[in-house]
Amino acid sequence: MLIKLLFKQVGKVKGLDSDCLDRVNSQFPRYKDLIDIVNEFRKMLLDKNVGMIEQWVHRASGLNIRELTSFINGITRDITAVKNAIK
């Protein structure tokens, strides 16, 4: 159920309420960091806010999550294409 938060907002995940999520976040702060960074990326795409990409990359890099670092490396390798896609 928690993995669904990578794709949906908490209010749209059946069986998950904010109290449950608060308990998970307090026990697993890295999970909260990951969900927050994914939501920031989603918002950047939806808002077409290309000016936030460098800040997002910097913040996401600081999390030191191997899979996320791989994603960031792909973004930075072709940053021009990524910026054009966001626009």
PDB file of N, CA and C in Angstrom:
ATOM      1  N   MET A   1       0.823  -1.185   0.000  1.00  0.00           N
ATOM      2  CA  MET A   1       0.000   0.000   0.000  1.00  0.00           C
ATOM      3  C   MET A   1       0.876   1.261   0.000  1.00  0.00           C
ATOM      4  N   LEU A   2       1.955   1.254   0.767  1.00  0.00           N
ATOM      5  CA  LEU A   2       2.804   2.440   0.858  1.00  0.00           C
ATOM      6  C   LEU A   2       3.521   2.740  -0.456  1.00  0.00           C
ATOM      7  N   ILE A   3       3.828   1.720  -1.227  1.00  0.00           N
ATOM      8  CA  ILE A   3       4.504   1.930  -2.505  1.00  0.00           C
ATOM      9  C   ILE A   3       3.623   2.734  -3.458  1.00  0.00           C
ATOM     10  N   LYS A   4       2.319   2.660  -3.266  1.00  0.00           N
ATOM     11  CA  LYS A   4       1.393   3.409  -4.116  1.00  0.00           C
ATOM     12  C   LYS A   4       1.582   4.912  -3.975  1.00  0.00           C
ATOM     13  N   LEU A   5       2.172   5.353  -2.866  1.00  0.00           N
ATOM     14  CA  LEU A   5       2.401   6.787  -2.672  1.00  0.00           C
ATOM     15  C   LEU A   5       3.438   7.337  -3.646  1.00  0.00           C
ATOM     16  N   LEU A   6       4.190   6.446  -4.282  1.00  0.00           N
ATOM     17  CA  LEU A   6       5.108   6.906  -5.323  1.00  0.00           C
ATOM     18  C   LEU A   6       4.342   7.386  -6.551  1.00  0.00           C
ATOM     19  N   PHE A   7       3.099   6.940  -6.683  1.00  0.00           N
ATOM     20  CA  PHE A   7       2.313   7.244  -7.863  1.00  0.00           C
ATOM     21  C   PHE A   7       1.060   8.059  -7.589  1.00  0.00           C
ATOM     22  N   LYS A   8       0.595   8.021  -6.341  1.00  0.00           N
ATOM     23  CA  LYS A   8      -0.662   8.682  -5.993  1.00  0.00           C
ATOM     24  C   LYS A   8      -0.501   9.491  -4.712  1.00  0.00           C
ATOM     25  N   GLN A   9      -1.406  10.433  -4.521  1.00  0.00           N
ATOM     26  CA  GLN A   9      -1.427  11.189  -3.278  1.00  0.00           C
ATOM     27  C   GLN A   9      -2.089  10.357  -2.192  1.00  0.00           C
ATOM     28  N   VAL A  10      -1.771  10.671  -0.936  1.00  0.00           N
ATOM     29  CA  VAL A  10      -2.248   9.867   0.193  1.00  0.00           C
ATOM     30  C   VAL A  10      -3.770   9.725   0.200  1.00  0.00           C
ATOM     31  N   GLY A  11      -4.491  10.749  -0.156  1.00  0.00           N
ATOM     32  CA  GLY A  11      -5.947  10.700  -0.153  1.00  0.00           C
ATOM     33  C   GLY A  11      -6.526   9.778  -1.212  1.00  0.00           C
ATOM     34  N   LYS A  12      -5.699   9.360  -2.158  1.00  0.00           N
ATOM     35  CA  LYS A  12      -6.177   8.508  -3.248  1.00  0.00           C
ATOM     36  C   LYS A  12      -5.728   7.056  -3.105  1.00  0.00           C
ATOM     37  N   VAL A  13      -5.081   6.744  -1.988  1.00  0.00           N
ATOM     38  CA  VAL A  13      -4.644   5.372  -1.742  1.00  0.00           C
ATOM     39  C   VAL A  13      -5.623   4.728  -0.773  1.00  0.00           C
ATOM     40  N   LYS A  14      -6.353   3.739  -1.271  1.00  0.00           N
ATOM     41  CA  LYS A  14      -7.375   3.067  -0.476  1.00  0.00           C
ATOM     42  C   LYS A  14      -6.744   2.393   0.740  1.00  0.00           C
ATOM     43  N   GLY A  15      -7.326   2.618   1.910  1.00  0.00           N
ATOM     44  CA  GLY A  15      -6.873   1.991   3.134  1.00  0.00           C
ATOM     45  C   GLY A  15      -5.742   2.715   3.842  1.00  0.00           C
ATOM     46  N   LEU A  16      -5.346   3.864   3.330  1.00  0.00           N
ATOM     47  CA  LEU A  16      -4.254   4.622   3.947  1.00  0.00           C
ATOM     48  C   LEU A  16      -4.771   5.994   4.353  1.00  0.00           C
ATOM     49  N   ASP A  17      -4.579   6.333   5.614  1.00  0.00           N
ATOM     50  CA  ASP A  17      -4.985   7.654   6.066  1.00  0.00           C
ATOM     51  C   ASP A  17      -3.755   8.399   6.583  1.00  0.00           C
ATOM     52  N   SER A  18      -3.925   9.653   6.869  1.00  0.00           N
ATOM     53  CA  SER A  18      -2.788  10.485   7.272  1.00  0.00           C
ATOM     54  C   SER A  18      -2.197  10.050   8.614  1.00  0.00           C
ATOM     55  N   ASP A  19      -3.014   9.527   9.529  1.00  0.00           N
ATOM     56  CA  ASP A  19      -2.484   9.046  10.814  1.00  0.00           C
ATOM     57  C   ASP A  19      -1.535   7.868  10.610  1.00  0.00           C
ATOM     58  N   CYS A  20      -1.942   6.939   9.771  1.00  0.00           N
ATOM     59  CA  CYS A  20      -1.095   5.781   9.464  1.00  0.00           C
ATOM     60  C   CYS A  20       0.206   6.246   8.812  1.00  0.00           C
ATOM     61  N   LEU A  21       0.090   7.159   7.876  1.00  0.00           N
ATOM     62  CA  LEU A  21       1.279   7.670   7.190  1.00  0.00           C
ATOM     63  C   LEU A  21       2.196   8.407   8.156  1.00  0.00           C
ATOM     64  N   ASP A  22       1.633   9.152   9.079  1.00  0.00           N
ATOM     65  CA  ASP A  22       2.447   9.843  10.087  1.00  0.00           C
ATOM     66  C   ASP A  22       3.249   8.848  10.924  1.00  0.00           C
ATOM     67  N   ARG A  23       2.630   7.727  11.287  1.00  0.00           N
ATOM     68  CA  ARG A  23       3.332   6.699  12.065  1.00  0.00           C
ATOM     69  C   ARG A  23       4.479   6.093  11.254  1.00  0.00           C
ATOM     70  N   VAL A  24       4.204   5.805   9.991  1.00  0.00           N
ATOM     71  CA  VAL A  24       5.248   5.252   9.125  1.00  0.00           C
ATOM     72  C   VAL A  24       6.394   6.246   8.980  1.00  0.00           C
ATOM     73  N   ASN A  25       6.053   7.507   8.722  1.00  0.00           N
ATOM     74  CA  ASN A  25       7.078   8.536   8.530  1.00  0.00           C
ATOM     75  C   ASN A  25       7.929   8.735   9.772  1.00  0.00           C
ATOM     76  N   SER A  26       7.335   8.621  10.939  1.00  0.00           N
ATOM     77  CA  SER A  26       8.123   8.802  12.156  1.00  0.00           C
ATOM     78  C   SER A  26       9.049   7.613  12.394  1.00  0.00           C
ATOM     79  N   GLN A  27       8.626   6.416  11.998  1.00  0.00           N
ATOM     80  CA  GLN A  27       9.464   5.235  12.166  1.00  0.00           C
ATOM     81  C   GLN A  27      10.510   5.097  11.065  1.00  0.00           C
ATOM     82  N   PHE A  28      10.175   5.584   9.877  1.00  0.00           N
ATOM     83  CA  PHE A  28      11.052   5.421   8.713  1.00  0.00           C
ATOM     84  C   PHE A  28      11.232   6.767   8.003  1.00  0.00           C
ATOM     85  N   PRO A  29      12.039   7.657   8.556  1.00  0.00           N
ATOM     86  CA  PRO A  29      12.196   8.991   7.967  1.00  0.00           C
ATOM     87  C   PRO A  29      12.769   8.962   6.546  1.00  0.00           C
ATOM     88  N   ARG A  30      13.549   7.941   6.201  1.00  0.00           N
ATOM     89  CA  ARG A  30      14.076   7.844   4.829  1.00  0.00           C
ATOM     90  C   ARG A  30      12.942   7.614   3.837  1.00  0.00           C
ATOM     91  N   TYR A  31      11.918   6.892   4.250  1.00  0.00           N
ATOM     92  CA  TYR A  31      10.754   6.677   3.399  1.00  0.00           C
ATOM     93  C   TYR A  31      10.084   8.019   3.110  1.00  0.00           C
ATOM     94  N   LYS A  32       9.917   8.826   4.135  1.00  0.00           N
ATOM     95  CA  LYS A  32       9.316  10.147   3.956  1.00  0.00           C
ATOM     96  C   LYS A  32      10.159  10.989   3.008  1.00  0.00           C
ATOM     97  N   ASP A  33      11.476  10.951   3.167  1.00  0.00           N
ATOM     98  CA  ASP A  33      12.362  11.703   2.271  1.00  0.00           C
ATOM     99  C   ASP A  33      12.161  11.285   0.815  1.00  0.00           C
ATOM    100  N   LEU A  34      12.063   9.988   0.589  1.00  0.00           N
ATOM    101  CA  LEU A  34      11.879   9.478  -0.760  1.00  0.00           C
ATOM    102  C   LEU A  34      10.545   9.911  -1.349  1.00  0.00           C
ATOM    103  N   ILE A  35       9.491   9.765  -0.581  1.00  0.00           N
ATOM    104  CA  ILE A  35       8.164  10.176  -1.064  1.00  0.00           C
ATOM    105  C   ILE A  35       8.145  11.678  -1.342  1.00  0.00           C
ATOM    106  N   ASP A  36       8.747  12.463  -0.466  1.00  0.00           N
ATOM    107  CA  ASP A  36       8.792  13.919  -0.666  1.00  0.00           C
ATOM    108  C   ASP A  36       9.525  14.281  -1.950  1.00  0.00           C
ATOM    109  N   ILE A  37      10.660  13.637  -2.213  1.00  0.00           N
ATOM    110  CA  ILE A  37      11.434  13.984  -3.399  1.00  0.00           C
ATOM    111  C   ILE A  37      10.716  13.548  -4.671  1.00  0.00           C
ATOM    112  N   VAL A  38      10.029  12.415  -4.618  1.00  0.00           N
ATOM    113  CA  VAL A  38       9.236  11.967  -5.772  1.00  0.00           C
ATOM    114  C   VAL A  38       8.101  12.949  -6.027  1.00  0.00           C
ATOM    115  N   ASN A  39       7.441  13.405  -4.973  1.00  0.00           N
ATOM    116  CA  ASN A  39       6.349  14.368  -5.136  1.00  0.00           C
ATOM    117  C   ASN A  39       6.854  15.707  -5.675  1.00  0.00           C
ATOM    118  N   GLU A  40       8.041  16.122  -5.239  1.00  0.00           N
ATOM    119  CA  GLU A  40       8.625  17.359  -5.767  1.00  0.00           C
ATOM    120  C   GLU A  40       8.903  17.224  -7.261  1.00  0.00           C
ATOM    121  N   PHE A  41       9.410  16.072  -7.671  1.00  0.00           N
ATOM    122  CA  PHE A  41       9.684  15.848  -9.090  1.00  0.00           C
ATOM    123  C   PHE A  41       8.382  15.871  -9.893  1.00  0.00           C
ATOM    124  N   ARG A  42       7.366  15.184  -9.382  1.00  0.00           N
ATOM    125  CA  ARG A  42       6.064  15.168 -10.047  1.00  0.00           C
ATOM    126  C   ARG A  42       5.500  16.583 -10.187  1.00  0.00           C
ATOM    127  N   LYS A  43       5.589  17.366  -9.117  1.00  0.00           N
ATOM    128  CA  LYS A  43       5.075  18.748  -9.161  1.00  0.00           C
ATOM    129  C   LYS A  43       5.851  19.580 -10.174  1.00  0.00           C
ATOM    130  N   MET A  44       7.172  19.404 -10.209  1.00  0.00           N
ATOM    131  CA  MET A  44       7.993  20.132 -11.158  1.00  0.00           C
ATOM    132  C   MET A  44       7.548  19.816 -12.586  1.00  0.00           C
ATOM    133  N   LEU A  45       7.249  18.561 -12.867  1.00  0.00           N
ATOM    134  CA  LEU A  45       6.790  18.172 -14.197  1.00  0.00           C
ATOM    135  C   LEU A  45       5.413  18.754 -14.505  1.00  0.00           C
ATOM    136  N   LEU A  46       4.498  18.620 -13.555  1.00  0.00           N
ATOM    137  CA  LEU A  46       3.138  19.113 -13.781  1.00  0.00           C
ATOM    138  C   LEU A  46       3.092  20.625 -13.947  1.00  0.00           C
ATOM    139  N   ASP A  47       3.929  21.325 -13.169  1.00  0.00           N
ATOM    140  CA  ASP A  47       3.970  22.791 -13.244  1.00  0.00           C
ATOM    141  C   ASP A  47       4.848  23.292 -14.381  1.00  0.00           C
ATOM    142  N   LYS A  48       5.562  22.365 -15.024  1.00  0.00           N
ATOM    143  CA  LYS A  48       6.502  22.704 -16.095  1.00  0.00           C
ATOM    144  C   LYS A  48       7.524  23.727 -15.614  1.00  0.00           C
ATOM    145  N   ASN A  49       8.007  23.500 -14.400  1.00  0.00           N
ATOM    146  CA  ASN A  49       8.918  24.423 -13.737  1.00  0.00           C
ATOM    147  C   ASN A  49      10.360  23.976 -13.943  1.00  0.00           C
ATOM    148  N   VAL A  50      10.891  24.250 -15.123  1.00  0.00           N
ATOM    149  CA  VAL A  50      12.245  23.827 -15.482  1.00  0.00           C
ATOM    150  C   VAL A  50      13.306  24.483 -14.600  1.00  0.00           C
ATOM    151  N   GLY A  51      13.004  25.610 -14.023  1.00  0.00           N
ATOM    152  CA  GLY A  51      13.956  26.319 -13.168  1.00  0.00           C
ATOM    153  C   GLY A  51      14.260  25.598 -11.866  1.00  0.00           C
ATOM    154  N   MET A  52      13.489  24.591 -11.515  1.00  0.00           N
ATOM    155  CA  MET A  52      13.686  23.861 -10.256  1.00  0.00           C
ATOM    156  C   MET A  52      14.558  22.618 -10.408  1.00  0.00           C
ATOM    157  N   ILE A  53      14.931  22.252 -11.649  1.00  0.00           N
ATOM    158  CA  ILE A  53      15.607  20.978 -11.854  1.00  0.00           C
ATOM    159  C   ILE A  53      16.949  20.900 -11.122  1.00  0.00           C
ATOM    160  N   GLU A  54      17.765  21.952 -11.175  1.00  0.00           N
ATOM    161  CA  GLU A  54      19.063  21.906 -10.505  1.00  0.00           C
ATOM    162  C   GLU A  54      18.904  21.781  -8.991  1.00  0.00           C
ATOM    163  N   GLN A  55      17.975  22.514  -8.439  1.00  0.00           N
ATOM    164  CA  GLN A  55      17.718  22.442  -6.998  1.00  0.00           C
ATOM    165  C   GLN A  55      17.220  21.045  -6.626  1.00  0.00           C
ATOM    166  N   TRP A  56      16.346  20.481  -7.454  1.00  0.00           N
ATOM    167  CA  TRP A  56      15.829  19.153  -7.184  1.00  0.00           C
ATOM    168  C   TRP A  56      16.956  18.121  -7.230  1.00  0.00           C
ATOM    169  N   VAL A  57      17.807  18.214  -8.253  1.00  0.00           N
ATOM    170  CA  VAL A  57      18.928  17.281  -8.381  1.00  0.00           C
ATOM    171  C   VAL A  57      19.840  17.374  -7.155  1.00  0.00           C
ATOM    172  N   HIS A  58      20.128  18.579  -6.717  1.00  0.00           N
ATOM    173  CA  HIS A  58      20.989  18.770  -5.556  1.00  0.00           C
ATOM    174  C   HIS A  58      20.358  18.140  -4.306  1.00  0.00           C
ATOM    175  N   ARG A  59      19.084  18.407  -4.104  1.00  0.00           N
ATOM    176  CA  ARG A  59      18.385  17.861  -2.929  1.00  0.00           C
ATOM    177  C   ARG A  59      18.296  16.339  -3.002  1.00  0.00           C
ATOM    178  N   ALA A  60      17.946  15.814  -4.163  1.00  0.00           N
ATOM    179  CA  ALA A  60      17.815  14.367  -4.332  1.00  0.00           C
ATOM    180  C   ALA A  60      19.166  13.674  -4.161  1.00  0.00           C
ATOM    181  N   SER A  61      20.226  14.287  -4.647  1.00  0.00           N
ATOM    182  CA  SER A  61      21.569  13.713  -4.507  1.00  0.00           C
ATOM    183  C   SER A  61      21.962  13.582  -3.045  1.00  0.00           C
ATOM    184  N   GLY A  62      21.540  14.536  -2.244  1.00  0.00           N
ATOM    185  CA  GLY A  62      21.867  14.530  -0.828  1.00  0.00           C
ATOM    186  C   GLY A  62      21.244  13.388  -0.050  1.00  0.00           C
ATOM    187  N   LEU A  63      20.251  12.728  -0.630  1.00  0.00           N
ATOM    188  CA  LEU A  63      19.603  11.610   0.059  1.00  0.00           C
ATOM    189  C   LEU A  63      20.454  10.338   0.025  1.00  0.00           C
ATOM    190  N   ASN A  64      21.390  10.273  -0.926  1.00  0.00           N
ATOM    191  CA  ASN A  64      22.285   9.116  -1.040  1.00  0.00           C
ATOM    192  C   ASN A  64      21.533   7.789  -1.096  1.00  0.00           C
ATOM    193  N   ILE A  65      20.526   7.737  -1.958  1.00  0.00           N
ATOM    194  CA  ILE A  65      19.780   6.510  -2.212  1.00  0.00           C
ATOM    195  C   ILE A  65      20.249   5.990  -3.571  1.00  0.00           C
ATOM    196  N   ARG A  66      20.813   4.798  -3.577  1.00  0.00           N
ATOM    197  CA  ARG A  66      21.467   4.258  -4.776  1.00  0.00           C
ATOM    198  C   ARG A  66      20.586   4.336  -6.024  1.00  0.00           C
ATOM    199  N   GLU A  67      19.357   3.883  -5.935  1.00  0.00           N
ATOM    200  CA  GLU A  67      18.473   3.881  -7.096  1.00  0.00           C
ATOM    201  C   GLU A  67      18.154   5.300  -7.558  1.00  0.00           C
ATOM    202  N   LEU A  68      17.991   6.185  -6.619  1.00  0.00           N
ATOM    203  CA  LEU A  68      17.721   7.578  -6.947  1.00  0.00           C
ATOM    204  C   LEU A  68      18.952   8.226  -7.575  1.00  0.00           C
ATOM    205  N   THR A  69      20.132   7.874  -7.088  1.00  0.00           N
ATOM    206  CA  THR A  69      21.374   8.399  -7.653  1.00  0.00           C
ATOM    207  C   THR A  69      21.521   7.975  -9.105  1.00  0.00           C
ATOM    208  N   SER A  70      21.144   6.763  -9.412  1.00  0.00           N
ATOM    209  CA  SER A  70      21.181   6.286 -10.795  1.00  0.00           C
ATOM    210  C   SER A  70      20.250   7.119 -11.677  1.00  0.00           C
ATOM    211  N   PHE A  71      19.070   7.404 -11.185  1.00  0.00           N
ATOM    212  CA  PHE A  71      18.100   8.245 -11.909  1.00  0.00           C
ATOM    213  C   PHE A  71      18.670   9.647 -12.116  1.00  0.00           C
ATOM    214  N   ILE A  72      19.269  10.209 -11.091  1.00  0.00           N
ATOM    215  CA  ILE A  72      19.857  11.551 -11.158  1.00  0.00           C
ATOM    216  C   ILE A  72      20.991  11.577 -12.176  1.00  0.00           C
ATOM    217  N   ASN A  73      21.815  10.537 -12.194  1.00  0.00           N
ATOM    218  CA  ASN A  73      22.908  10.471 -13.170  1.00  0.00           C
ATOM    219  C   ASN A  73      22.376  10.513 -14.590  1.00  0.00           C
ATOM    220  N   GLY A  74      21.287   9.818 -14.836  1.00  0.00           N
ATOM    221  CA  GLY A  74      20.659   9.851 -16.154  1.00  0.00           C
ATOM    222  C   GLY A  74      20.154  11.234 -16.510  1.00  0.00           C
ATOM    223  N   ILE A  75      19.569  11.910 -15.553  1.00  0.00           N
ATOM    224  CA  ILE A  75      19.075  13.275 -15.778  1.00  0.00           C
ATOM    225  C   ILE A  75      20.231  14.221 -16.103  1.00  0.00           C
ATOM    226  N   THR A  76      21.285  14.150 -15.311  1.00  0.00           N
ATOM    227  CA  THR A  76      22.389  15.094 -15.499  1.00  0.00           C
ATOM    228  C   THR A  76      23.183  14.812 -16.773  1.00  0.00           C
ATOM    229  N   ARG A  77      23.203  13.549 -17.232  1.00  0.00           N
ATOM    230  CA  ARG A  77      23.897  13.231 -18.479  1.00  0.00           C
ATOM    231  C   ARG A  77      23.273  13.950 -19.666  1.00  0.00           C
ATOM    232  N   ASP A  78      21.961  14.132 -19.620  1.00  0.00           N
ATOM    233  CA  ASP A  78      21.278  14.766 -20.743  1.00  0.00           C
ATOM    234  C   ASP A  78      20.327  15.847 -20.234  1.00  0.00           C
ATOM    235  N   ILE A  79      20.881  16.771 -19.461  1.00  0.00           N
ATOM    236  CA  ILE A  79      20.073  17.806 -18.803  1.00  0.00           C
ATOM    237  C   ILE A  79      19.302  18.665 -19.795  1.00  0.00           C
ATOM    238  N   THR A  80      19.871  18.932 -20.949  1.00  0.00           N
ATOM    239  CA  THR A  80      19.179  19.763 -21.945  1.00  0.00           C
ATOM    240  C   THR A  80      17.893  19.093 -22.405  1.00  0.00           C
ATOM    241  N   ALA A  81      17.967  17.811 -22.703  1.00  0.00           N
ATOM    242  CA  ALA A  81      16.779  17.074 -23.119  1.00  0.00           C
ATOM    243  C   ALA A  81      15.733  17.016 -22.000  1.00  0.00           C
ATOM    244  N   VAL A  82      16.191  16.844 -20.784  1.00  0.00           N
ATOM    245  CA  VAL A  82      15.277  16.802 -19.631  1.00  0.00           C
ATOM    246  C   VAL A  82      14.567  18.143 -19.478  1.00  0.00           C
ATOM    247  N   LYS A  83      15.310  19.221 -19.574  1.00  0.00           N
ATOM    248  CA  LYS A  83      14.703  20.553 -19.465  1.00  0.00           C
ATOM    249  C   LYS A  83      13.695  20.784 -20.576  1.00  0.00           C
ATOM    250  N   ASN A  84      14.023  20.361 -21.783  1.00  0.00           N
ATOM    251  CA  ASN A  84      13.079  20.512 -22.892  1.00  0.00           C
ATOM    252  C   ASN A  84      11.832  19.677 -22.674  1.00  0.00           C
ATOM    253  N   ALA A  85      11.982  18.487 -22.102  1.00  0.00           N
ATOM    254  CA  ALA A  85      10.832  17.635 -21.817  1.00  0.00           C
ATOM    255  C   ALA A  85       9.929  18.261 -20.753  1.00  0.00           C
ATOM    256  N   ILE A  86      10.532  18.901 -19.764  1.00  0.00           N
ATOM    257  CA  ILE A  86       9.742  19.541 -18.706  1.00  0.00           C
ATOM    258  C   ILE A  86       8.931  20.707 -19.264  1.00  0.00           C
ATOM    259  N   LYS A  87       9.553  21.446 -20.180  1.00  0.00           N
ATOM    260  CA  LYS A  87       8.843  22.591 -20.798  1.00  0.00           C
ATOM    261  C   LYS A  87       7.651  22.103 -21.558  1.00  0.00           C
TER     262      LYS A  87
END
